[in-house]
Amino acid sequence: MKKTTLVLLSSLVFLFLSCKEAKKEVEKTTAMVEETTTQEVDAIFPKGQKGPAQFFTGDAYNYGLVPMDSTYTMLVGNVYFEPGARSNWHTHGAGQILIITDGEGFHQIEGQPKEFLKKGSVVKCPPNAKHWHGASPGKAMQQLYIVPNTEKGVVNWMEAVTDEQYNGN
């Protein structure tokens, strides 16, 4: 009887410890999943000011780096798009250059396929080309933007990008 009780007791201790280890493993895995689903980016610059809802879907933040002036006639800044955030359709009189510094997202010129962007991508938007850009649904994106020849205009904002356009090809 003592041997049976001892075997039963040791089995229960083993089971208890196994469950405790399994729980630790579940907690560890959950923490890893939460960490990878947050999908923030390593910001180079401060987030800046939140972009107005009339020009962005979701949360996008602008931080100016080189203000517009008559010497350089360009505008340079950083935009941080939270996952799923995107700009409205818009144009630039002299075009725009985007340099993706972290994360992933999309860019699309009207009438062309949507392009996937990732850290290191460089996009040249032609003058007056209607386009949009923003983060992917699951990961934030940070970009530098350069608007040259600001004497030709900075930006002409248009309608919001629909969910169908954002999620389409």
C-alpha atoms as a PDB file:
ATOM      1  CA  MET A   1       0.000   0.000   0.000  1.00  0.00           C
ATOM      2  CA  LYS A   2       2.829   2.394   0.867  1.00  0.00           C
ATOM      3  CA  LYS A   3       4.501   1.610  -2.448  1.00  0.00           C
ATOM      4  CA  THR A   4       1.261   2.363  -4.323  1.00  0.00           C
ATOM      5  CA  THR A   5       0.803   5.617  -2.419  1.00  0.00           C
ATOM      6  CA  LEU A   6       4.412   6.565  -3.127  1.00  0.00           C
ATOM      7  CA  VAL A   7       4.013   5.823  -6.845  1.00  0.00           C
ATOM      8  CA  LEU A   8       0.745   7.771  -6.944  1.00  0.00           C
ATOM      9  CA  LEU A   9       2.263  10.692  -5.058  1.00  0.00           C
ATOM     10  CA  SER A  10       5.338  10.816  -7.270  1.00  0.00           C
ATOM     11  CA  SER A  11       3.109  10.608 -10.361  1.00  0.00           C
ATOM     12  CA  LEU A  12       1.059  13.548  -9.096  1.00  0.00           C
ATOM     13  CA  VAL A  13       4.236  15.567  -8.385  1.00  0.00           C
ATOM     14  CA  PHE A  14       5.538  14.751 -11.860  1.00  0.00           C
ATOM     15  CA  LEU A  15       2.196  15.731 -13.413  1.00  0.00           C
ATOM     16  CA  PHE A  16       2.115  18.968 -11.404  1.00  0.00           C
ATOM     17  CA  LEU A  17       5.663  19.898 -12.472  1.00  0.00           C
ATOM     18  CA  SER A  18       4.905  18.985 -16.093  1.00  0.00           C
ATOM     19  CA  CYS A  19       1.840  21.230 -16.069  1.00  0.00           C
ATOM     20  CA  LYS A  20       3.841  24.017 -14.475  1.00  0.00           C
ATOM     21  CA  GLU A  21       6.525  23.712 -17.190  1.00  0.00           C
ATOM     22  CA  ALA A  22       3.855  23.556 -19.900  1.00  0.00           C
ATOM     23  CA  LYS A  23       2.274  26.718 -18.495  1.00  0.00           C
ATOM     24  CA  LYS A  24       5.677  28.466 -18.572  1.00  0.00           C
ATOM     25  CA  GLU A  25       6.132  27.366 -22.187  1.00  0.00           C
ATOM     26  CA  VAL A  26       2.662  28.680 -23.124  1.00  0.00           C
ATOM     27  CA  GLU A  27       3.400  32.007 -21.395  1.00  0.00           C
ATOM     28  CA  LYS A  28       6.758  32.240 -23.195  1.00  0.00           C
ATOM     29  CA  THR A  29       5.155  31.489 -26.577  1.00  0.00           C
ATOM     30  CA  THR A  30       2.340  33.978 -25.904  1.00  0.00           C
ATOM     31  CA  ALA A  31       4.878  36.691 -25.081  1.00  0.00           C
ATOM     32  CA  MET A  32       6.771  35.956 -28.311  1.00  0.00           C
ATOM     33  CA  VAL A  33       3.556  36.107 -30.363  1.00  0.00           C
ATOM     34  CA  GLU A  34       2.514  39.396 -28.725  1.00  0.00           C
ATOM     35  CA  GLU A  35       5.965  40.813 -29.420  1.00  0.00           C
ATOM     36  CA  THR A  36       5.845  39.872 -33.109  1.00  0.00           C
ATOM     37  CA  THR A  37       2.254  41.009 -33.642  1.00  0.00           C
ATOM     38  CA  THR A  38       2.899  44.495 -32.215  1.00  0.00           C
ATOM     39  CA  GLN A  39       5.110  45.140 -35.237  1.00  0.00           C
ATOM     40  CA  GLU A  40       6.353  48.588 -34.408  1.00  0.00           C
ATOM     41  CA  VAL A  41       9.440  49.890 -36.148  1.00  0.00           C
ATOM     42  CA  ASP A  42      12.718  51.264 -34.899  1.00  0.00           C
ATOM     43  CA  ALA A  43      12.082  54.979 -35.182  1.00  0.00           C
ATOM     44  CA  ILE A  44      14.983  57.164 -36.319  1.00  0.00           C
ATOM     45  CA  PHE A  45      13.119  60.402 -35.639  1.00  0.00           C
ATOM     46  CA  PRO A  46      10.410  61.389 -33.152  1.00  0.00           C
ATOM     47  CA  LYS A  47       6.876  60.407 -34.170  1.00  0.00           C
ATOM     48  CA  GLY A  48       5.884  64.016 -34.723  1.00  0.00           C
ATOM     49  CA  GLN A  49       2.381  65.381 -35.027  1.00  0.00           C
ATOM     50  CA  LYS A  50      -0.577  63.214 -35.909  1.00  0.00           C
ATOM     51  CA  GLY A  51      -1.775  63.757 -39.453  1.00  0.00           C
ATOM     52  CA  PRO A  52      -5.316  65.064 -39.860  1.00  0.00           C
ATOM     53  CA  ALA A  53      -8.082  62.519 -40.444  1.00  0.00           C
ATOM     54  CA  GLN A  54      -9.112  64.449 -43.568  1.00  0.00           C
ATOM     55  CA  PHE A  55      -5.826  63.345 -45.260  1.00  0.00           C
ATOM     56  CA  PHE A  56      -5.084  59.962 -43.613  1.00  0.00           C
ATOM     57  CA  THR A  57      -6.901  56.739 -42.795  1.00  0.00           C
ATOM     58  CA  GLY A  58      -5.582  55.426 -39.483  1.00  0.00           C
ATOM     59  CA  ASP A  59      -2.801  57.009 -37.473  1.00  0.00           C
ATOM     60  CA  ALA A  60       0.092  58.632 -39.323  1.00  0.00           C
ATOM     61  CA  TYR A  61       2.558  61.065 -37.792  1.00  0.00           C
ATOM     62  CA  ASN A  62       4.643  63.710 -39.578  1.00  0.00           C
ATOM     63  CA  TYR A  63       7.960  65.090 -38.381  1.00  0.00           C
ATOM     64  CA  GLY A  64       9.501  67.878 -40.472  1.00  0.00           C
ATOM     65  CA  LEU A  65      13.254  67.678 -41.060  1.00  0.00           C
ATOM     66  CA  VAL A  66      14.082  70.349 -43.656  1.00  0.00           C
ATOM     67  CA  PRO A  67      11.574  73.191 -43.830  1.00  0.00           C
ATOM     68  CA  MET A  68      10.607  74.719 -47.138  1.00  0.00           C
ATOM     69  CA  ASP A  69      12.640  77.802 -48.069  1.00  0.00           C
ATOM     70  CA  SER A  70      13.748  79.741 -51.157  1.00  0.00           C
ATOM     71  CA  THR A  71      17.331  78.446 -51.036  1.00  0.00           C
ATOM     72  CA  TYR A  72      16.774  74.702 -51.147  1.00  0.00           C
ATOM     73  CA  THR A  73      13.234  74.779 -52.588  1.00  0.00           C
ATOM     74  CA  MET A  74      12.491  71.365 -51.150  1.00  0.00           C
ATOM     75  CA  LEU A  75      10.707  69.873 -48.202  1.00  0.00           C
ATOM     76  CA  VAL A  76      12.034  66.850 -46.293  1.00  0.00           C
ATOM     77  CA  GLY A  77      10.305  65.009 -43.506  1.00  0.00           C
ATOM     78  CA  ASN A  78       9.522  61.710 -41.883  1.00  0.00           C
ATOM     79  CA  VAL A  79       6.150  59.983 -41.702  1.00  0.00           C
ATOM     80  CA  TYR A  80       5.447  57.135 -39.298  1.00  0.00           C
ATOM     81  CA  PHE A  81       2.414  55.059 -40.337  1.00  0.00           C
ATOM     82  CA  GLU A  82       0.922  52.733 -37.732  1.00  0.00           C
ATOM     83  CA  PRO A  83      -0.226  49.331 -39.087  1.00  0.00           C
ATOM     84  CA  GLY A  84      -3.047  49.802 -41.601  1.00  0.00           C
ATOM     85  CA  ALA A  85      -2.603  53.601 -41.806  1.00  0.00           C
ATOM     86  CA  ARG A  86      -2.335  55.240 -45.211  1.00  0.00           C
ATOM     87  CA  SER A  87      -2.477  58.583 -46.953  1.00  0.00           C
ATOM     88  CA  ASN A  88      -5.310  59.759 -49.149  1.00  0.00           C
ATOM     89  CA  TRP A  89      -4.745  59.899 -52.864  1.00  0.00           C
ATOM     90  CA  HIS A  90      -2.645  62.977 -53.635  1.00  0.00           C
ATOM     91  CA  THR A  91      -0.258  64.596 -56.127  1.00  0.00           C
ATOM     92  CA  HIS A  92       2.884  66.720 -55.951  1.00  0.00           C
ATOM     93  CA  GLY A  93       3.561  69.374 -58.601  1.00  0.00           C
ATOM     94  CA  ALA A  94       7.241  68.395 -58.923  1.00  0.00           C
ATOM     95  CA  GLY A  95       6.928  64.784 -57.766  1.00  0.00           C
ATOM     96  CA  GLN A  96       8.071  63.110 -54.561  1.00  0.00           C
ATOM     97  CA  ILE A  97      10.778  60.697 -53.422  1.00  0.00           C
ATOM     98  CA  LEU A  98      10.093  58.194 -50.632  1.00  0.00           C
ATOM     99  CA  ILE A  99      12.818  56.289 -48.776  1.00  0.00           C
ATOM    100  CA  ILE A 100      11.523  53.538 -46.496  1.00  0.00           C
ATOM    101  CA  THR A 101      13.641  53.470 -43.334  1.00  0.00           C
ATOM    102  CA  ASP A 102      11.819  50.665 -41.507  1.00  0.00           C
ATOM    103  CA  GLY A 103       8.739  48.478 -41.570  1.00  0.00           C
ATOM    104  CA  GLU A 104       6.676  47.564 -44.584  1.00  0.00           C
ATOM    105  CA  GLY A 105       3.819  48.955 -46.571  1.00  0.00           C
ATOM    106  CA  PHE A 106       2.504  49.888 -49.980  1.00  0.00           C
ATOM    107  CA  HIS A 107       2.622  52.560 -52.659  1.00  0.00           C
ATOM    108  CA  GLN A 108       0.357  52.864 -55.652  1.00  0.00           C
ATOM    109  CA  ILE A 109       0.165  55.231 -58.594  1.00  0.00           C
ATOM    110  CA  GLU A 110      -3.356  55.430 -60.018  1.00  0.00           C
ATOM    111  CA  GLY A 111      -3.881  52.892 -62.787  1.00  0.00           C
ATOM    112  CA  GLN A 112      -0.807  50.843 -61.815  1.00  0.00           C
ATOM    113  CA  PRO A 113      -0.438  47.792 -59.563  1.00  0.00           C
ATOM    114  CA  LYS A 114       0.135  48.341 -55.858  1.00  0.00           C
ATOM    115  CA  GLU A 115       3.827  48.035 -54.912  1.00  0.00           C
ATOM    116  CA  PHE A 116       5.103  46.362 -51.740  1.00  0.00           C
ATOM    117  CA  LEU A 117       7.586  48.497 -49.797  1.00  0.00           C
ATOM    118  CA  LYS A 118      10.093  47.469 -47.131  1.00  0.00           C
ATOM    119  CA  LYS A 119      13.114  48.921 -45.375  1.00  0.00           C
ATOM    120  CA  GLY A 120      15.473  50.174 -48.078  1.00  0.00           C
ATOM    121  CA  SER A 121      12.815  50.672 -50.782  1.00  0.00           C
ATOM    122  CA  VAL A 122      13.055  53.918 -52.765  1.00  0.00           C
ATOM    123  CA  VAL A 123      10.076  55.266 -54.703  1.00  0.00           C
ATOM    124  CA  LYS A 124      10.092  58.109 -57.226  1.00  0.00           C
ATOM    125  CA  CYS A 125       6.603  59.513 -57.741  1.00  0.00           C
ATOM    126  CA  PRO A 126       6.460  61.470 -61.015  1.00  0.00           C
ATOM    127  CA  PRO A 127       5.196  65.074 -61.054  1.00  0.00           C
ATOM    128  CA  ASN A 128       1.410  65.317 -60.757  1.00  0.00           C
ATOM    129  CA  ALA A 129       0.985  61.515 -60.542  1.00  0.00           C
ATOM    130  CA  LYS A 130      -2.003  60.627 -58.368  1.00  0.00           C
ATOM    131  CA  HIS A 131      -0.780  58.163 -55.731  1.00  0.00           C
ATOM    132  CA  TRP A 132      -1.007  56.961 -52.129  1.00  0.00           C
ATOM    133  CA  HIS A 133       1.277  55.197 -49.653  1.00  0.00           C
ATOM    134  CA  GLY A 134       1.027  53.652 -46.206  1.00  0.00           C
ATOM    135  CA  ALA A 135       1.797  50.774 -43.851  1.00  0.00           C
ATOM    136  CA  SER A 136       0.814  47.153 -44.314  1.00  0.00           C
ATOM    137  CA  PRO A 137      -2.111  45.850 -42.234  1.00  0.00           C
ATOM    138  CA  GLY A 138       0.176  44.036 -39.781  1.00  0.00           C
ATOM    139  CA  LYS A 139       3.301  46.163 -39.582  1.00  0.00           C
ATOM    140  CA  ALA A 140       4.085  49.845 -39.183  1.00  0.00           C
ATOM    141  CA  MET A 141       6.148  51.736 -41.753  1.00  0.00           C
ATOM    142  CA  GLN A 142       8.458  54.720 -41.473  1.00  0.00           C
ATOM    143  CA  GLN A 143       9.469  56.767 -44.493  1.00  0.00           C
ATOM    144  CA  LEU A 144      11.460  59.827 -45.394  1.00  0.00           C
ATOM    145  CA  TYR A 145       9.808  62.010 -47.992  1.00  0.00           C
ATOM    146  CA  ILE A 146      11.443  64.570 -50.244  1.00  0.00           C
ATOM    147  CA  VAL A 147       9.306  67.049 -52.130  1.00  0.00           C
ATOM    148  CA  PRO A 148      11.575  68.925 -54.603  1.00  0.00           C
ATOM    149  CA  ASN A 149      10.970  72.247 -56.341  1.00  0.00           C
ATOM    150  CA  THR A 150       8.332  73.402 -53.889  1.00  0.00           C
ATOM    151  CA  GLU A 151       7.759  76.492 -56.022  1.00  0.00           C
ATOM    152  CA  LYS A 152       5.672  74.126 -58.192  1.00  0.00           C
ATOM    153  CA  GLY A 153       3.472  73.275 -55.200  1.00  0.00           C
ATOM    154  CA  VAL A 154       3.776  70.931 -52.249  1.00  0.00           C
ATOM    155  CA  VAL A 155       0.747  68.626 -52.170  1.00  0.00           C
ATOM    156  CA  ASN A 156      -2.763  68.436 -53.585  1.00  0.00           C
ATOM    157  CA  TRP A 157      -4.885  66.211 -51.333  1.00  0.00           C
ATOM    158  CA  MET A 158      -7.726  64.160 -52.819  1.00  0.00           C
ATOM    159  CA  GLU A 159     -10.174  61.461 -51.723  1.00  0.00           C
ATOM    160  CA  ALA A 160      -9.448  58.712 -49.213  1.00  0.00           C
ATOM    161  CA  VAL A 161      -8.124  55.354 -50.388  1.00  0.00           C
ATOM    162  CA  THR A 162     -10.966  52.869 -49.937  1.00  0.00           C
ATOM    163  CA  ASP A 163     -10.502  49.582 -48.088  1.00  0.00           C
ATOM    164  CA  GLU A 164     -11.086  47.818 -51.401  1.00  0.00           C
ATOM    165  CA  GLN A 165      -8.239  49.770 -53.054  1.00  0.00           C
ATOM    166  CA  TYR A 166      -5.945  49.279 -50.041  1.00  0.00           C
ATOM    167  CA  ASN A 167      -6.608  45.531 -49.842  1.00  0.00           C
ATOM    168  CA  GLY A 168      -6.638  44.957 -53.620  1.00  0.00           C
ATOM    169  CA  ASN A 169      -3.778  44.094 -55.931  1.00  0.00           C
END
